[in-house]
């Protein structure tokens, strides 16, 4: 298990243990594959539900607002991102 406090060299510390984690639903109402964490210091993180001790992406409040705005404006197709993420972790040829 990894340490609960993740250090980002430019953004500071994100405490995974004290963050408030939410799991958004997919379009069909089922739980999504990602969790969004909100820390007391304003940082926001995103991680995979099936690997909470794995890699997390850490955003400043301004970066998070830009990301969410882009999603709302249709700049990201989350279904394509999910396929890309699965393909990146699958051994070649499967």
PDB file of N, CA and C in Angstrom:
ATOM      1  N   UNK A   1       0.844  -1.180   0.000  1.00  0.00           N
ATOM      2  CA  UNK A   1       0.000   0.000   0.000  1.00  0.00           C
ATOM      3  C   UNK A   1       0.888   1.243   0.000  1.00  0.00           C
ATOM      4  N   UNK A   2       0.518   2.223  -0.794  1.00  0.00           N
ATOM      5  CA  UNK A   2       1.310   3.437  -0.865  1.00  0.00           C
ATOM      6  C   UNK A   2       0.985   4.362   0.294  1.00  0.00           C
ATOM      7  N   UNK A   3       1.835   5.345   0.487  1.00  0.00           N
ATOM      8  CA  UNK A   3       1.615   6.318   1.558  1.00  0.00           C
ATOM      9  C   UNK A   3       0.401   7.171   1.227  1.00  0.00           C
ATOM     10  N   UNK A   4      -0.358   7.583   2.255  1.00  0.00           N
ATOM     11  CA  UNK A   4      -1.565   8.364   1.991  1.00  0.00           C
ATOM     12  C   UNK A   4      -1.289   9.775   1.479  1.00  0.00           C
ATOM     13  N   UNK A   5      -0.107  10.332   1.776  1.00  0.00           N
ATOM     14  CA  UNK A   5       0.196  11.684   1.306  1.00  0.00           C
ATOM     15  C   UNK A   5       1.038  11.588   0.046  1.00  0.00           C
ATOM     16  N   UNK A   6       0.499  12.109  -1.040  1.00  0.00           N
ATOM     17  CA  UNK A   6       1.223  12.147  -2.313  1.00  0.00           C
ATOM     18  C   UNK A   6       1.809  13.533  -2.485  1.00  0.00           C
ATOM     19  N   UNK A   7       3.046  13.601  -2.879  1.00  0.00           N
ATOM     20  CA  UNK A   7       3.748  14.872  -3.046  1.00  0.00           C
ATOM     21  C   UNK A   7       3.886  15.180  -4.535  1.00  0.00           C
ATOM     22  N   UNK A   8       3.379  16.333  -4.938  1.00  0.00           N
ATOM     23  CA  UNK A   8       3.591  16.814  -6.303  1.00  0.00           C
ATOM     24  C   UNK A   8       4.640  17.906  -6.214  1.00  0.00           C
ATOM     25  N   UNK A   9       5.699  17.835  -7.033  1.00  0.00           N
ATOM     26  CA  UNK A   9       6.812  18.782  -6.887  1.00  0.00           C
ATOM     27  C   UNK A   9       6.423  20.246  -7.071  1.00  0.00           C
ATOM     28  N   UNK A  10       5.365  20.520  -7.803  1.00  0.00           N
ATOM     29  CA  UNK A  10       4.966  21.905  -8.053  1.00  0.00           C
ATOM     30  C   UNK A  10       3.677  22.302  -7.343  1.00  0.00           C
ATOM     31  N   UNK A  11       2.830  21.326  -7.054  1.00  0.00           N
ATOM     32  CA  UNK A  11       1.498  21.639  -6.541  1.00  0.00           C
ATOM     33  C   UNK A  11       1.354  21.416  -5.043  1.00  0.00           C
ATOM     34  N   UNK A  12       2.249  20.659  -4.440  1.00  0.00           N
ATOM     35  CA  UNK A  12       2.172  20.420  -3.010  1.00  0.00           C
ATOM     36  C   UNK A  12       1.695  19.022  -2.678  1.00  0.00           C
ATOM     37  N   UNK A  13       1.154  18.880  -1.481  1.00  0.00           N
ATOM     38  CA  UNK A  13       0.758  17.576  -0.971  1.00  0.00           C
ATOM     39  C   UNK A  13      -0.738  17.328  -1.122  1.00  0.00           C
ATOM     40  N   UNK A  14      -1.051  16.090  -1.466  1.00  0.00           N
ATOM     41  CA  UNK A  14      -2.445  15.646  -1.537  1.00  0.00           C
ATOM     42  C   UNK A  14      -2.566  14.449  -0.611  1.00  0.00           C
ATOM     43  N   UNK A  15      -3.396  14.576   0.424  1.00  0.00           N
ATOM     44  CA  UNK A  15      -3.592  13.509   1.402  1.00  0.00           C
ATOM     45  C   UNK A  15      -4.784  12.657   0.973  1.00  0.00           C
ATOM     46  N   UNK A  16      -4.492  11.466   0.465  1.00  0.00           N
ATOM     47  CA  UNK A  16      -5.555  10.587  -0.034  1.00  0.00           C
ATOM     48  C   UNK A  16      -6.455  10.085   1.091  1.00  0.00           C
ATOM     49  N   UNK A  17      -5.924   9.992   2.304  1.00  0.00           N
ATOM     50  CA  UNK A  17      -6.705   9.467   3.429  1.00  0.00           C
ATOM     51  C   UNK A  17      -7.748  10.464   3.927  1.00  0.00           C
ATOM     52  N   UNK A  18      -7.434  11.754   3.882  1.00  0.00           N
ATOM     53  CA  UNK A  18      -8.393  12.732   4.397  1.00  0.00           C
ATOM     54  C   UNK A  18      -9.216  13.408   3.304  1.00  0.00           C
ATOM     55  N   UNK A  19      -8.903  13.128   2.043  1.00  0.00           N
ATOM     56  CA  UNK A  19      -9.663  13.725   0.933  1.00  0.00           C
ATOM     57  C   UNK A  19     -11.089  13.174   0.911  1.00  0.00           C
ATOM     58  N   UNK A  20     -12.005  13.967   0.401  1.00  0.00           N
ATOM     59  CA  UNK A  20     -13.396  13.521   0.198  1.00  0.00           C
ATOM     60  C   UNK A  20     -13.476  12.964  -1.221  1.00  0.00           C
ATOM     61  N   UNK A  21     -13.647  11.665  -1.349  1.00  0.00           N
ATOM     62  CA  UNK A  21     -13.674  10.990  -2.651  1.00  0.00           C
ATOM     63  C   UNK A  21     -15.114  10.786  -3.107  1.00  0.00           C
ATOM     64  N   UNK A  22     -15.364  11.079  -4.377  1.00  0.00           N
ATOM     65  CA  UNK A  22     -16.670  10.826  -4.983  1.00  0.00           C
ATOM     66  C   UNK A  22     -16.462   9.980  -6.235  1.00  0.00           C
ATOM     67  N   UNK A  23     -17.452   9.179  -6.529  1.00  0.00           N
ATOM     68  CA  UNK A  23     -17.401   8.295  -7.698  1.00  0.00           C
ATOM     69  C   UNK A  23     -18.571   8.648  -8.608  1.00  0.00           C
ATOM     70  N   UNK A  24     -18.308   9.430  -9.642  1.00  0.00           N
ATOM     71  CA  UNK A  24     -19.396   9.815 -10.547  1.00  0.00           C
ATOM     72  C   UNK A  24     -20.003   8.597 -11.243  1.00  0.00           C
ATOM     73  N   UNK A  25     -21.263   8.735 -11.610  1.00  0.00           N
ATOM     74  CA  UNK A  25     -21.959   7.677 -12.341  1.00  0.00           C
ATOM     75  C   UNK A  25     -21.760   7.867 -13.842  1.00  0.00           C
ATOM     76  N   UNK A  26     -21.871   6.773 -14.572  1.00  0.00           N
ATOM     77  CA  UNK A  26     -21.829   6.825 -16.026  1.00  0.00           C
ATOM     78  C   UNK A  26     -23.194   7.286 -16.547  1.00  0.00           C
ATOM     79  N   UNK A  27     -23.298   7.447 -17.844  1.00  0.00           N
ATOM     80  CA  UNK A  27     -24.552   7.898 -18.447  1.00  0.00           C
ATOM     81  C   UNK A  27     -25.724   6.961 -18.148  1.00  0.00           C
ATOM     82  N   UNK A  28     -25.421   5.663 -17.977  1.00  0.00           N
ATOM     83  CA  UNK A  28     -26.507   4.717 -17.709  1.00  0.00           C
ATOM     84  C   UNK A  28     -26.789   4.540 -16.218  1.00  0.00           C
ATOM     85  N   UNK A  29     -26.132   5.333 -15.366  1.00  0.00           N
ATOM     86  CA  UNK A  29     -26.400   5.299 -13.939  1.00  0.00           C
ATOM     87  C   UNK A  29     -25.551   4.335 -13.135  1.00  0.00           C
ATOM     88  N   UNK A  30     -24.679   3.581 -13.792  1.00  0.00           N
ATOM     89  CA  UNK A  30     -23.799   2.675 -13.055  1.00  0.00           C
ATOM     90  C   UNK A  30     -22.587   3.453 -12.539  1.00  0.00           C
ATOM     91  N   UNK A  31     -21.955   2.956 -11.468  1.00  0.00           N
ATOM     92  CA  UNK A  31     -20.780   3.651 -10.943  1.00  0.00           C
ATOM     93  C   UNK A  31     -19.650   3.692 -11.975  1.00  0.00           C
ATOM     94  N   UNK A  32     -18.987   4.831 -12.054  1.00  0.00           N
ATOM     95  CA  UNK A  32     -17.894   5.002 -13.002  1.00  0.00           C
ATOM     96  C   UNK A  32     -16.619   4.320 -12.543  1.00  0.00           C
ATOM     97  N   UNK A  33     -15.613   4.341 -13.418  1.00  0.00           N
ATOM     98  CA  UNK A  33     -14.328   3.703 -13.132  1.00  0.00           C
ATOM     99  C   UNK A  33     -13.350   4.633 -12.432  1.00  0.00           C
ATOM    100  N   UNK A  34     -13.693   5.906 -12.316  1.00  0.00           N
ATOM    101  CA  UNK A  34     -12.796   6.885 -11.715  1.00  0.00           C
ATOM    102  C   UNK A  34     -13.387   7.455 -10.439  1.00  0.00           C
ATOM    103  N   UNK A  35     -12.504   7.875  -9.542  1.00  0.00           N
ATOM    104  CA  UNK A  35     -12.894   8.600  -8.340  1.00  0.00           C
ATOM    105  C   UNK A  35     -12.234   9.971  -8.378  1.00  0.00           C
ATOM    106  N   UNK A  36     -12.947  10.954  -7.883  1.00  0.00           N
ATOM    107  CA  UNK A  36     -12.432  12.311  -7.795  1.00  0.00           C
ATOM    108  C   UNK A  36     -12.279  12.639  -6.315  1.00  0.00           C
ATOM    109  N   UNK A  37     -11.090  13.095  -5.933  1.00  0.00           N
ATOM    110  CA  UNK A  37     -10.828  13.425  -4.537  1.00  0.00           C
ATOM    111  C   UNK A  37     -10.636  14.916  -4.345  1.00  0.00           C
ATOM    112  N   UNK A  38     -11.252  15.450  -3.303  1.00  0.00           N
ATOM    113  CA  UNK A  38     -11.159  16.867  -2.987  1.00  0.00           C
ATOM    114  C   UNK A  38     -10.459  17.011  -1.645  1.00  0.00           C
ATOM    115  N   UNK A  39      -9.281  17.654  -1.642  1.00  0.00           N
ATOM    116  CA  UNK A  39      -8.493  17.829  -0.424  1.00  0.00           C
ATOM    117  C   UNK A  39      -8.812  19.165   0.239  1.00  0.00           C
ATOM    118  N   UNK A  40      -8.539  19.244   1.521  1.00  0.00           N
ATOM    119  CA  UNK A  40      -8.778  20.469   2.281  1.00  0.00           C
ATOM    120  C   UNK A  40      -7.956  21.645   1.757  1.00  0.00           C
ATOM    121  N   UNK A  41      -6.799  21.378   1.154  1.00  0.00           N
ATOM    122  CA  UNK A  41      -5.941  22.458   0.656  1.00  0.00           C
ATOM    123  C   UNK A  41      -6.336  22.940  -0.738  1.00  0.00           C
ATOM    124  N   UNK A  42      -7.455  22.434  -1.277  1.00  0.00           N
ATOM    125  CA  UNK A  42      -7.948  22.887  -2.573  1.00  0.00           C
ATOM    126  C   UNK A  42      -7.552  22.023  -3.747  1.00  0.00           C
ATOM    127  N   UNK A  43      -6.569  21.151  -3.563  1.00  0.00           N
ATOM    128  CA  UNK A  43      -6.163  20.283  -4.667  1.00  0.00           C
ATOM    129  C   UNK A  43      -7.241  19.245  -4.954  1.00  0.00           C
ATOM    130  N   UNK A  44      -7.289  18.823  -6.203  1.00  0.00           N
ATOM    131  CA  UNK A  44      -8.254  17.815  -6.650  1.00  0.00           C
ATOM    132  C   UNK A  44      -7.449  16.697  -7.300  1.00  0.00           C
ATOM    133  N   UNK A  45      -7.843  15.457  -7.058  1.00  0.00           N
ATOM    134  CA  UNK A  45      -7.133  14.316  -7.635  1.00  0.00           C
ATOM    135  C   UNK A  45      -8.119  13.384  -8.315  1.00  0.00           C
ATOM    136  N   UNK A  46      -7.587  12.618  -9.253  1.00  0.00           N
ATOM    137  CA  UNK A  46      -8.391  11.627  -9.960  1.00  0.00           C
ATOM    138  C   UNK A  46      -7.603  10.319  -9.945  1.00  0.00           C
ATOM    139  N   UNK A  47      -8.305   9.217  -9.655  1.00  0.00           N
ATOM    140  CA  UNK A  47      -7.674   7.898  -9.637  1.00  0.00           C
ATOM    141  C   UNK A  47      -8.671   6.848 -10.115  1.00  0.00           C
ATOM    142  N   UNK A  48      -8.138   5.695 -10.467  1.00  0.00           N
ATOM    143  CA  UNK A  48      -8.981   4.573 -10.855  1.00  0.00           C
ATOM    144  C   UNK A  48      -9.520   3.893  -9.591  1.00  0.00           C
ATOM    145  N   UNK A  49     -10.789   3.522  -9.616  1.00  0.00           N
ATOM    146  CA  UNK A  49     -11.429   2.875  -8.478  1.00  0.00           C
ATOM    147  C   UNK A  49     -10.747   1.542  -8.171  1.00  0.00           C
ATOM    148  N   UNK A  50     -10.369   0.801  -9.199  1.00  0.00           N
ATOM    149  CA  UNK A  50      -9.798  -0.524  -8.995  1.00  0.00           C
ATOM    150  C   UNK A  50      -8.317  -0.498  -8.595  1.00  0.00           C
ATOM    151  N   UNK A  51      -7.721   0.697  -8.502  1.00  0.00           N
ATOM    152  CA  UNK A  51      -6.313   0.812  -8.122  1.00  0.00           C
ATOM    153  C   UNK A  51      -6.095   2.073  -7.281  1.00  0.00           C
ATOM    154  N   UNK A  52      -6.722   2.150  -6.094  1.00  0.00           N
ATOM    155  CA  UNK A  52      -6.647   3.382  -5.308  1.00  0.00           C
ATOM    156  C   UNK A  52      -5.238   3.738  -4.841  1.00  0.00           C
ATOM    157  N   UNK A  53      -4.346   2.764  -4.779  1.00  0.00           N
ATOM    158  CA  UNK A  53      -2.973   3.047  -4.378  1.00  0.00           C
ATOM    159  C   UNK A  53      -2.053   3.287  -5.571  1.00  0.00           C
ATOM    160  N   UNK A  54      -2.611   3.256  -6.766  1.00  0.00           N
ATOM    161  CA  UNK A  54      -1.826   3.467  -7.977  1.00  0.00           C
ATOM    162  C   UNK A  54      -1.640   4.941  -8.286  1.00  0.00           C
ATOM    163  N   UNK A  55      -1.415   5.214  -9.530  1.00  0.00           N
ATOM    164  CA  UNK A  55      -1.180   6.579 -10.001  1.00  0.00           C
ATOM    165  C   UNK A  55      -2.416   7.442  -9.798  1.00  0.00           C
ATOM    166  N   UNK A  56      -2.200   8.662  -9.328  1.00  0.00           N
ATOM    167  CA  UNK A  56      -3.284   9.635  -9.264  1.00  0.00           C
ATOM    168  C   UNK A  56      -2.838  10.888 -10.005  1.00  0.00           C
ATOM    169  N   UNK A  57      -3.792  11.553 -10.598  1.00  0.00           N
ATOM    170  CA  UNK A  57      -3.543  12.837 -11.247  1.00  0.00           C
ATOM    171  C   UNK A  57      -3.951  13.926 -10.269  1.00  0.00           C
ATOM    172  N   UNK A  58      -3.091  14.904 -10.076  1.00  0.00           N
ATOM    173  CA  UNK A  58      -3.355  15.974  -9.115  1.00  0.00           C
ATOM    174  C   UNK A  58      -3.519  17.286  -9.870  1.00  0.00           C
ATOM    175  N   UNK A  59      -4.589  18.004  -9.543  1.00  0.00           N
ATOM    176  CA  UNK A  59      -4.921  19.261 -10.202  1.00  0.00           C
ATOM    177  C   UNK A  59      -5.006  20.395  -9.182  1.00  0.00           C
ATOM    178  N   UNK A  60      -4.585  21.578  -9.582  1.00  0.00           N
ATOM    179  CA  UNK A  60      -4.874  22.768  -8.792  1.00  0.00           C
ATOM    180  C   UNK A  60      -6.341  23.111  -9.028  1.00  0.00           C
ATOM    181  N   UNK A  61      -6.934  23.971  -8.201  1.00  0.00           N
ATOM    182  CA  UNK A  61      -8.331  24.353  -8.441  1.00  0.00           C
ATOM    183  C   UNK A  61      -8.539  24.954  -9.837  1.00  0.00           C
ATOM    184  N   UNK A  62      -7.587  25.738 -10.310  1.00  0.00           N
ATOM    185  CA  UNK A  62      -7.714  26.349 -11.646  1.00  0.00           C
ATOM    186  C   UNK A  62      -7.630  25.302 -12.748  1.00  0.00           C
ATOM    187  N   UNK A  63      -6.723  24.351 -12.602  1.00  0.00           N
ATOM    188  CA  UNK A  63      -6.618  23.270 -13.586  1.00  0.00           C
ATOM    189  C   UNK A  63      -7.889  22.428 -13.603  1.00  0.00           C
ATOM    190  N   UNK A  64      -8.436  22.151 -12.415  1.00  0.00           N
ATOM    191  CA  UNK A  64      -9.647  21.351 -12.336  1.00  0.00           C
ATOM    192  C   UNK A  64     -10.815  22.060 -13.014  1.00  0.00           C
ATOM    193  N   UNK A  65     -10.951  23.361 -12.761  1.00  0.00           N
ATOM    194  CA  UNK A  65     -12.021  24.133 -13.407  1.00  0.00           C
ATOM    195  C   UNK A  65     -11.875  24.090 -14.921  1.00  0.00           C
ATOM    196  N   UNK A  66     -10.652  24.216 -15.424  1.00  0.00           N
ATOM    197  CA  UNK A  66     -10.423  24.153 -16.872  1.00  0.00           C
ATOM    198  C   UNK A  66     -10.754  22.772 -17.419  1.00  0.00           C
ATOM    199  N   UNK A  67     -10.368  21.722 -16.695  1.00  0.00           N
ATOM    200  CA  UNK A  67     -10.663  20.359 -17.120  1.00  0.00           C
ATOM    201  C   UNK A  67     -12.171  20.118 -17.190  1.00  0.00           C
ATOM    202  N   UNK A  68     -12.876  20.468 -16.110  1.00  0.00           N
ATOM    203  CA  UNK A  68     -14.326  20.271 -16.064  1.00  0.00           C
ATOM    204  C   UNK A  68     -15.010  21.106 -17.147  1.00  0.00           C
ATOM    205  N   UNK A  69     -14.552  22.325 -17.344  1.00  0.00           N
ATOM    206  CA  UNK A  69     -15.111  23.164 -18.408  1.00  0.00           C
ATOM    207  C   UNK A  69     -14.933  22.539 -19.780  1.00  0.00           C
ATOM    208  N   UNK A  70     -13.771  21.954 -20.017  1.00  0.00           N
ATOM    209  CA  UNK A  70     -13.526  21.281 -21.286  1.00  0.00           C
ATOM    210  C   UNK A  70     -14.432  20.086 -21.498  1.00  0.00           C
ATOM    211  N   UNK A  71     -14.654  19.325 -20.432  1.00  0.00           N
ATOM    212  CA  UNK A  71     -15.565  18.181 -20.526  1.00  0.00           C
ATOM    213  C   UNK A  71     -16.973  18.666 -20.852  1.00  0.00           C
ATOM    214  N   UNK A  72     -17.417  19.689 -20.148  1.00  0.00           N
ATOM    215  CA  UNK A  72     -18.771  20.214 -20.379  1.00  0.00           C
ATOM    216  C   UNK A  72     -18.929  20.776 -21.790  1.00  0.00           C
ATOM    217  N   UNK A  73     -17.852  21.318 -22.336  1.00  0.00           N
ATOM    218  CA  UNK A  73     -17.902  21.880 -23.685  1.00  0.00           C
ATOM    219  C   UNK A  73     -17.715  20.830 -24.770  1.00  0.00           C
ATOM    220  N   UNK A  74     -17.551  19.564 -24.375  1.00  0.00           N
ATOM    221  CA  UNK A  74     -17.413  18.490 -25.348  1.00  0.00           C
ATOM    222  C   UNK A  74     -16.008  18.318 -25.890  1.00  0.00           C
ATOM    223  N   UNK A  75     -15.007  18.894 -25.221  1.00  0.00           N
ATOM    224  CA  UNK A  75     -13.628  18.776 -25.695  1.00  0.00           C
ATOM    225  C   UNK A  75     -13.040  17.394 -25.454  1.00  0.00           C
ATOM    226  N   UNK A  76     -13.652  16.627 -24.563  1.00  0.00           N
ATOM    227  CA  UNK A  76     -13.172  15.280 -24.254  1.00  0.00           C
ATOM    228  C   UNK A  76     -14.297  14.286 -24.463  1.00  0.00           C
ATOM    229  N   UNK A  77     -13.983  13.188 -25.106  1.00  0.00           N
ATOM    230  CA  UNK A  77     -14.938  12.097 -25.257  1.00  0.00           C
ATOM    231  C   UNK A  77     -14.503  11.019 -24.279  1.00  0.00           C
ATOM    232  N   UNK A  78     -15.173  10.923 -23.139  1.00  0.00           N
ATOM    233  CA  UNK A  78     -14.748  10.026 -22.076  1.00  0.00           C
ATOM    234  C   UNK A  78     -14.783   8.560 -22.481  1.00  0.00           C
ATOM    235  N   UNK A  79     -15.666   8.181 -23.392  1.00  0.00           N
ATOM    236  CA  UNK A  79     -15.688   6.782 -23.822  1.00  0.00           C
ATOM    237  C   UNK A  79     -14.407   6.439 -24.576  1.00  0.00           C
ATOM    238  N   UNK A  80     -13.895   7.369 -25.360  1.00  0.00           N
ATOM    239  CA  UNK A  80     -12.632   7.149 -26.072  1.00  0.00           C
ATOM    240  C   UNK A  80     -11.480   7.084 -25.072  1.00  0.00           C
ATOM    241  N   UNK A  81     -11.484   7.954 -24.065  1.00  0.00           N
ATOM    242  CA  UNK A  81     -10.434   7.937 -23.052  1.00  0.00           C
ATOM    243  C   UNK A  81     -10.428   6.624 -22.283  1.00  0.00           C
ATOM    244  N   UNK A  82     -11.596   6.077 -21.974  1.00  0.00           N
ATOM    245  CA  UNK A  82     -11.675   4.811 -21.243  1.00  0.00           C
ATOM    246  C   UNK A  82     -11.082   3.678 -22.073  1.00  0.00           C
ATOM    247  N   UNK A  83     -11.377   3.643 -23.356  1.00  0.00           N
ATOM    248  CA  UNK A  83     -10.813   2.615 -24.241  1.00  0.00           C
ATOM    249  C   UNK A  83      -9.299   2.783 -24.327  1.00  0.00           C
ATOM    250  N   UNK A  84      -8.832   4.012 -24.479  1.00  0.00           N
ATOM    251  CA  UNK A  84      -7.396   4.268 -24.535  1.00  0.00           C
ATOM    252  C   UNK A  84      -6.697   3.809 -23.258  1.00  0.00           C
ATOM    253  N   UNK A  85      -7.310   4.062 -22.107  1.00  0.00           N
ATOM    254  CA  UNK A  85      -6.717   3.655 -20.834  1.00  0.00           C
ATOM    255  C   UNK A  85      -6.638   2.134 -20.731  1.00  0.00           C
ATOM    256  N   UNK A  86      -7.697   1.444 -21.155  1.00  0.00           N
ATOM    257  CA  UNK A  86      -7.674  -0.022 -21.124  1.00  0.00           C
ATOM    258  C   UNK A  86      -6.606  -0.559 -22.074  1.00  0.00           C
ATOM    259  N   UNK A  87      -6.504   0.015 -23.251  1.00  0.00           N
ATOM    260  CA  UNK A  87      -5.511  -0.441 -24.221  1.00  0.00           C
ATOM    261  C   UNK A  87      -4.091  -0.199 -23.729  1.00  0.00           C
ATOM    262  N   UNK A  88      -3.874   0.872 -22.998  1.00  0.00           N
ATOM    263  CA  UNK A  88      -2.542   1.199 -22.489  1.00  0.00           C
ATOM    264  C   UNK A  88      -2.082   0.208 -21.426  1.00  0.00           C
ATOM    265  N   UNK A  89      -3.016  -0.403 -20.711  1.00  0.00           N
ATOM    266  CA  UNK A  89      -2.649  -1.326 -19.645  1.00  0.00           C
ATOM    267  C   UNK A  89      -2.731  -2.792 -20.080  1.00  0.00           C
ATOM    268  N   UNK A  90      -3.235  -3.061 -21.284  1.00  0.00           N
ATOM    269  CA  UNK A  90      -3.345  -4.433 -21.771  1.00  0.00           C
ATOM    270  C   UNK A  90      -2.056  -4.818 -22.501  1.00  0.00           C
ATOM    271  N   UNK A  91      -1.608  -6.062 -22.282  1.00  0.00           N
ATOM    272  CA  UNK A  91      -0.456  -6.539 -23.053  1.00  0.00           C
ATOM    273  C   UNK A  91      -0.794  -6.533 -24.540  1.00  0.00           C
ATOM    274  N   UNK A  92       0.194  -6.262 -25.370  1.00  0.00           N
ATOM    275  CA  UNK A  92      -0.059  -6.214 -26.811  1.00  0.00           C
ATOM    276  C   UNK A  92      -0.569  -7.549 -27.309  1.00  0.00           C
ATOM    277  N   UNK A  93      -1.489  -7.458 -28.241  1.00  0.00           N
ATOM    278  CA  UNK A  93      -2.042  -8.653 -28.853  1.00  0.00           C
ATOM    279  C   UNK A  93      -3.282  -9.194 -28.180  1.00  0.00           C
ATOM    280  N   UNK A  94      -3.688  -8.598 -27.095  1.00  0.00           N
ATOM    281  CA  UNK A  94      -4.907  -9.083 -26.417  1.00  0.00           C
ATOM    282  C   UNK A  94      -6.096  -8.268 -26.825  1.00  0.00           C
TER     283      UNK A  94
END
